[in-house]
């Protein structure tokens, strides 16, 4: 089977569909296939190495959620209470109709994309690309959301994938922890799990040679470099649900913890109650409480396959079968 996987991926490299990447497969918690293929940079023919760090894009969302669930386990955050208890400014937020919110969303709703925040796919739904967020803090950006970016639906009424909602949840984490957004991800997730190559991108060295980001040109169908983006300074806003940098080995540690029912080795990392909520299907849409997409259910309706992808070409999943 792995010969077929390698053959297929090499065909994609040779056909110019992908530049390169890393594949890591674990079975019953042990790595059974790990290989880097292709190039980290096409122009210089620099090889892609298995340990190379990449922007994992939206896989950042369930990693951030893991930090928030850890804060909840420590009773520093209530995931099921309205976020106005942490962010009073959200009390002035309105729906697109101009009506006020009867209640603010909960952090759990925001993580699972059922909080009513503006969809990722709507105009204005990707503020990390907008000039108005440059050199702002997350607190300033979320304050602007509260006053100028209406909710598109009543919180808890429907599913809409939302990076803005993730930003609001991240700001709740800042207030609850008393730390800037990047710190709880480090102290609650990456450090205790031993994920030394994982963190928000602005924390990385400016000298680090990361793989070049490519995309398929819509007209030519060929790979071209993504438009370079300025790296925020520490403390400046970046997409809370899209700016974490990691590699396959680190992601496997985190995924293994989730697959093991919240245990890391012999230690409880997420309490049984927390991991149950993290993996509990949302009553709306196809996500779990922790923000994973439900890709397949078993015959009894339980989770069979969950995962999350990223716009940078990343993907990860857990197959419970």
Protein backbone atom coordinates (compact mmCIF):
# COMPACT_ATOMS: atom_id res chain seq x y z
CA UNK A 1 0.00 0.00 0.00
CA UNK A 2 2.80 2.43 0.84
CA UNK A 3 4.47 1.76 -2.51
CA UNK A 4 1.24 2.87 -4.17
CA UNK A 5 1.06 6.00 -1.99
CA UNK A 6 4.64 6.94 -2.82
CA UNK A 7 4.12 6.26 -6.52
CA UNK A 8 0.99 8.42 -6.61
CA UNK A 9 2.65 11.33 -4.79
CA UNK A 10 5.75 11.20 -6.97
CA UNK A 11 3.50 11.29 -10.03
CA UNK A 12 1.93 14.47 -8.62
CA UNK A 13 5.38 16.03 -8.11
CA UNK A 14 6.53 15.07 -11.61
CA UNK A 15 3.30 16.36 -13.14
CA UNK A 16 3.75 19.71 -11.41
CA UNK A 17 0.60 19.35 -9.30
CA UNK A 18 2.51 19.69 -6.01
CA UNK A 19 6.02 20.89 -5.24
CA UNK A 20 6.69 18.55 -2.33
CA UNK A 21 5.65 17.57 1.14
CA UNK A 22 5.74 15.04 3.94
CA UNK A 23 3.51 12.04 4.58
CA UNK A 24 3.37 10.42 8.02
CA UNK A 25 1.08 7.51 8.86
CA UNK A 26 0.67 6.01 12.33
CA UNK A 27 -1.03 2.69 13.05
CA UNK A 28 -2.02 1.94 16.64
CA UNK A 29 0.12 4.84 17.72
CA UNK A 30 3.30 3.79 15.95
CA UNK A 31 4.71 5.30 12.74
CA UNK A 32 4.50 2.86 9.84
CA UNK A 33 5.30 5.23 6.96
CA UNK A 34 7.23 8.53 7.01
CA UNK A 35 8.62 10.11 3.89
CA UNK A 36 9.37 13.50 2.41
CA UNK A 37 8.96 13.91 -1.33
CA UNK A 38 9.70 16.58 -3.91
CA UNK A 39 10.98 20.07 -3.29
CA UNK A 40 10.75 22.71 -0.59
CA UNK A 41 11.65 25.24 -3.27
CA UNK A 42 11.37 24.60 -6.99
CA UNK A 43 13.64 27.43 -8.12
CA UNK A 44 16.64 26.19 -6.12
CA UNK A 45 15.66 22.49 -6.23
CA UNK A 46 15.98 22.42 -2.44
CA UNK A 47 14.62 19.05 -1.24
CA UNK A 48 11.65 18.82 1.08
CA UNK A 49 12.72 17.24 4.38
CA UNK A 50 10.40 15.36 6.72
CA UNK A 51 11.16 17.71 9.60
CA UNK A 52 10.45 20.89 7.58
CA UNK A 53 8.01 23.22 9.28
CA UNK A 54 5.12 24.67 7.28
CA UNK A 55 2.21 27.00 7.91
CA UNK A 56 -0.52 24.47 8.72
CA UNK A 57 -3.25 27.04 8.02
CA UNK A 58 -6.67 25.98 9.32
CA UNK A 59 -5.37 22.95 11.21
CA UNK A 60 -4.50 25.76 13.65
CA UNK A 61 -8.18 25.86 14.66
CA UNK A 62 -8.45 22.52 16.52
CA UNK A 63 -4.99 23.09 18.05
CA UNK A 64 -6.18 26.43 19.46
CA UNK A 65 -9.35 24.64 20.61
CA UNK A 66 -7.19 22.13 22.49
CA UNK A 67 -5.63 25.00 24.45
CA UNK A 68 -9.06 26.41 25.28
CA UNK A 69 -10.31 23.01 26.44
CA UNK A 70 -7.26 22.75 28.70
CA UNK A 71 -8.11 26.13 30.21
CA UNK A 72 -11.64 24.86 30.78
CA UNK A 73 -10.28 21.73 32.46
CA UNK A 74 -8.35 24.02 34.81
CA UNK A 75 -11.59 25.93 35.52
CA UNK A 76 -10.13 29.13 34.09
CA UNK A 77 -12.65 29.25 31.24
CA UNK A 78 -16.30 28.30 30.85
CA UNK A 79 -16.77 27.10 27.28
CA UNK A 80 -20.55 27.06 27.56
CA UNK A 81 -21.19 30.55 28.94
CA UNK A 82 -21.76 33.59 26.66
CA UNK A 83 -18.49 35.25 25.70
CA UNK A 84 -19.73 38.58 27.07
CA UNK A 85 -18.52 37.35 30.46
CA UNK A 86 -15.00 37.76 29.03
CA UNK A 87 -15.62 40.26 26.23
CA UNK A 88 -18.21 42.88 27.30
CA UNK A 89 -17.84 44.63 23.94
CA UNK A 90 -19.67 41.78 22.21
CA UNK A 91 -22.85 42.85 24.03
CA UNK A 92 -23.17 45.68 21.46
CA UNK A 93 -22.82 43.36 18.45
CA UNK A 94 -25.69 43.18 15.99
CA UNK A 95 -27.10 40.87 13.37
CA UNK A 96 -26.97 41.86 9.70
CA UNK A 97 -30.61 42.89 10.04
CA UNK A 98 -29.55 45.56 12.54
CA UNK A 99 -31.14 43.74 15.47
CA UNK A 100 -29.11 43.19 18.62
CA UNK A 101 -28.15 39.71 19.75
CA UNK A 102 -30.53 38.12 22.25
CA UNK A 103 -27.47 36.41 23.65
CA UNK A 104 -23.80 36.28 22.72
CA UNK A 105 -22.29 33.06 21.39
CA UNK A 106 -20.46 30.68 23.68
CA UNK A 107 -16.81 29.84 23.12
CA UNK A 108 -17.83 26.25 22.32
CA UNK A 109 -20.17 27.51 19.59
CA UNK A 110 -17.42 29.68 18.11
CA UNK A 111 -14.97 26.75 18.06
CA UNK A 112 -17.50 24.51 16.31
CA UNK A 113 -18.55 27.27 13.86
CA UNK A 114 -22.09 27.54 15.15
CA UNK A 115 -21.69 30.91 16.90
CA UNK A 116 -23.23 32.97 14.09
CA UNK A 117 -20.05 34.89 13.21
CA UNK A 118 -19.50 36.01 9.61
CA UNK A 119 -18.62 33.10 7.32
CA UNK A 120 -15.10 32.60 6.00
CA UNK A 121 -16.63 32.53 2.50
CA UNK A 122 -18.44 35.88 2.73
CA UNK A 123 -17.04 39.29 1.81
CA UNK A 124 -15.01 40.49 4.78
CA UNK A 125 -14.75 36.96 6.18
CA UNK A 126 -10.94 36.82 5.91
CA UNK A 127 -9.77 39.93 7.78
CA UNK A 128 -6.18 38.68 8.07
CA UNK A 129 -5.83 39.71 4.41
CA UNK A 130 -7.25 43.18 5.05
CA UNK A 131 -5.07 46.26 5.55
CA UNK A 132 -7.10 47.44 8.55
CA UNK A 133 -5.81 44.56 10.71
CA UNK A 134 -2.13 45.36 10.09
CA UNK A 135 -0.12 46.25 13.21
CA UNK A 136 -3.19 45.79 15.41
CA UNK A 137 -3.46 43.51 18.43
CA UNK A 138 -5.99 40.68 18.59
CA UNK A 139 -7.88 42.68 21.22
CA UNK A 140 -8.16 45.66 18.86
CA UNK A 141 -9.26 43.48 15.96
CA UNK A 142 -11.95 41.70 18.01
CA UNK A 143 -13.17 45.05 19.36
CA UNK A 144 -13.60 46.15 15.73
CA UNK A 145 -15.53 42.96 14.96
CA UNK A 146 -17.89 43.71 17.85
CA UNK A 147 -18.67 47.21 16.62
CA UNK A 148 -18.48 46.90 12.85
CA UNK A 149 -18.80 43.27 11.68
CA UNK A 150 -22.39 42.01 12.16
CA UNK A 151 -23.16 38.40 13.01
CA UNK A 152 -24.75 36.62 10.05
CA UNK A 153 -27.03 34.41 12.14
CA UNK A 154 -28.38 33.98 15.65
CA UNK A 155 -25.75 32.20 17.77
CA UNK A 156 -26.47 28.48 18.00
CA UNK A 157 -28.90 28.45 15.07
CA UNK A 158 -26.78 27.20 12.16
CA UNK A 159 -23.32 26.16 10.96
CA UNK A 160 -21.04 28.58 9.10
CA UNK A 161 -17.28 28.06 8.93
CA UNK A 162 -15.81 31.23 10.43
CA UNK A 163 -12.27 32.43 11.02
CA UNK A 164 -13.70 35.53 12.68
CA UNK A 165 -15.44 33.28 15.19
CA UNK A 166 -12.10 31.57 15.85
CA UNK A 167 -10.48 34.97 16.47
CA UNK A 168 -13.18 35.82 19.02
CA UNK A 169 -12.65 32.47 20.76
CA UNK A 170 -8.90 33.14 20.83
CA UNK A 171 -9.50 36.52 22.43
CA UNK A 172 -11.63 34.81 25.10
CA UNK A 173 -8.61 32.60 25.75
CA UNK A 174 -6.42 35.68 26.19
CA UNK A 175 -8.75 37.18 28.78
CA UNK A 176 -9.33 33.89 30.62
CA UNK A 177 -5.63 33.06 30.81
CA UNK A 178 -4.32 36.59 31.27
CA UNK A 179 -1.79 35.86 28.52
CA UNK A 180 -1.37 36.90 24.87
CA UNK A 181 -2.93 34.39 22.47
CA UNK A 182 0.29 32.58 21.57
CA UNK A 183 1.17 31.79 25.18
CA UNK A 184 -1.75 29.47 26.10
CA UNK A 185 -1.10 27.44 22.94
CA UNK A 186 2.50 27.03 24.12
CA UNK A 187 1.89 26.48 27.84
CA UNK A 188 -1.22 24.33 27.46
CA UNK A 189 -0.45 22.33 24.32
CA UNK A 190 2.93 22.43 22.63
CA UNK A 191 5.22 22.44 25.68
CA UNK A 192 3.46 19.69 27.70
CA UNK A 193 3.09 17.54 24.56
CA UNK A 194 6.70 18.09 23.54
CA UNK A 195 5.79 19.76 20.24
CA UNK A 196 8.95 21.84 20.01
CA UNK A 197 8.46 22.77 16.35
CA UNK A 198 4.93 24.12 16.72
CA UNK A 199 3.73 27.64 17.42
CA UNK A 200 2.26 30.75 15.86
CA UNK A 201 4.31 31.89 12.89
CA UNK A 202 5.41 35.26 14.23
CA UNK A 203 7.36 33.43 16.95
CA UNK A 204 9.66 31.74 14.42
CA UNK A 205 13.12 32.91 13.47
CA UNK A 206 13.28 35.33 10.56
CA UNK A 207 16.29 33.32 9.33
CA UNK A 208 14.39 30.05 9.12
CA UNK A 209 14.11 28.74 5.58
CA UNK A 210 10.60 27.40 5.38
CA UNK A 211 9.28 25.66 2.27
CA UNK A 212 8.00 28.03 -0.39
CA UNK A 213 4.22 28.18 -0.60
CA UNK A 214 2.76 27.41 -4.00
CA UNK A 215 -0.74 27.31 -5.46
CA UNK A 216 -2.23 26.13 -8.72
CA UNK A 217 -2.73 29.02 -11.13
CA UNK A 218 -6.38 29.10 -12.14
CA UNK A 219 -5.59 29.96 -15.77
CA UNK A 220 -2.45 27.98 -16.59
CA UNK A 221 -3.03 25.10 -14.18
CA UNK A 222 0.64 25.34 -13.19
CA UNK A 223 2.23 25.89 -9.80
CA UNK A 224 3.11 29.47 -8.92
CA UNK A 225 4.41 31.07 -5.75
CA UNK A 226 1.82 32.38 -3.31
CA UNK A 227 1.90 36.10 -2.72
CA UNK A 228 4.33 36.78 0.14
CA UNK A 229 2.76 38.14 3.31
CA UNK A 230 4.42 40.34 5.89
CA UNK A 231 5.28 38.48 9.10
CA UNK A 232 3.55 40.16 12.07
CA UNK A 233 5.73 41.29 14.92
CA UNK A 234 5.25 39.52 18.28
CA UNK A 235 1.96 40.71 19.77
CA UNK A 236 0.50 41.82 16.45
CA UNK A 237 -2.60 40.24 14.96
CA UNK A 238 -2.47 37.22 12.70
CA UNK A 239 -5.20 34.71 11.89
CA UNK A 240 -5.86 32.81 15.12
CA UNK A 241 -7.19 29.87 13.12
CA UNK A 242 -4.61 29.90 10.36
CA UNK A 243 -1.15 31.07 11.43
CA UNK A 244 0.35 28.16 13.38
CA UNK A 245 3.55 26.61 12.02
CA UNK A 246 4.31 22.91 12.60
CA UNK A 247 5.56 19.71 11.00
CA UNK A 248 4.26 16.18 10.55
CA UNK A 249 6.05 14.74 13.58
CA UNK A 250 4.63 17.35 15.97
CA UNK A 251 1.13 17.07 14.56
CA UNK A 252 1.24 13.31 15.04
CA UNK A 253 1.91 13.77 18.78
CA UNK A 254 -1.20 15.93 19.15
CA UNK A 255 -3.37 13.68 16.98
CA UNK A 256 -2.24 10.63 18.93
CA UNK A 257 -3.36 12.30 22.18
CA UNK A 258 -6.81 12.94 20.69
CA UNK A 259 -7.04 9.38 19.32
CA UNK A 260 -6.02 8.01 22.73
CA UNK A 261 -9.00 9.60 24.45
CA UNK A 262 -7.16 12.62 25.80
CA UNK A 263 -4.18 10.72 27.20
CA UNK A 264 -0.54 11.54 26.48
CA UNK A 265 1.50 8.51 27.36
CA UNK A 266 0.30 7.46 30.81
CA UNK A 267 -0.89 10.96 31.76
CA UNK A 268 -4.34 12.53 31.41
CA UNK A 269 -3.95 15.52 29.08
CA UNK A 270 -7.64 16.26 28.56
CA UNK A 271 -10.08 15.03 31.19
CA UNK A 272 -12.60 12.36 30.13
CA UNK A 273 -15.32 15.03 30.23
CA UNK A 274 -13.25 17.40 28.09
CA UNK A 275 -12.29 14.85 25.43
CA UNK A 276 -15.91 13.68 25.24
CA UNK A 277 -16.99 17.28 24.55
CA UNK A 278 -14.06 17.79 22.16
CA UNK A 279 -15.17 14.81 20.07
CA UNK A 280 -18.91 15.23 20.52
CA UNK A 281 -20.65 15.96 17.21
CA UNK A 282 -22.18 19.40 17.08
CA UNK A 283 -25.98 19.35 16.73
CA UNK A 284 -25.49 21.62 13.70
CA UNK A 285 -23.22 20.93 10.76
CA UNK A 286 -20.51 18.32 10.50
CA UNK A 287 -17.99 19.31 13.17
CA UNK A 288 -17.06 18.11 16.64
CA UNK A 289 -16.99 20.33 19.70
CA UNK A 290 -13.25 20.80 19.19
CA UNK A 291 -13.67 21.88 15.57
CA UNK A 292 -12.69 18.71 13.70
CA UNK A 293 -14.68 17.98 10.56
CA UNK A 294 -16.60 14.70 10.67
CA UNK A 295 -15.66 12.90 7.46
CA UNK A 296 -17.30 9.55 8.06
CA UNK A 297 -19.60 7.93 10.61
CA UNK A 298 -19.87 4.28 11.54
CA UNK A 299 -22.99 2.16 11.21
CA UNK A 300 -24.24 3.34 14.61
CA UNK A 301 -23.70 7.01 13.77
CA UNK A 302 -20.52 7.34 15.83
CA UNK A 303 -17.27 8.91 14.69
CA UNK A 304 -15.35 6.83 12.16
CA UNK A 305 -13.11 9.45 10.55
CA UNK A 306 -12.40 13.05 11.61
CA UNK A 307 -9.91 15.51 10.24
CA UNK A 308 -9.04 19.04 9.23
CA UNK A 309 -7.34 20.54 6.21
CA UNK A 310 -5.57 23.82 5.60
CA UNK A 311 -5.46 26.18 2.63
CA UNK A 312 -1.66 25.79 2.49
CA UNK A 313 -2.12 22.20 1.29
CA UNK A 314 -2.01 20.55 4.71
CA UNK A 315 -4.33 17.81 5.91
CA UNK A 316 -4.59 15.53 8.92
CA UNK A 317 -7.09 12.95 10.10
CA UNK A 318 -7.85 10.26 12.67
CA UNK A 319 -9.44 7.00 11.54
CA UNK A 320 -11.15 5.40 14.54
CA UNK A 321 -11.87 2.22 12.58
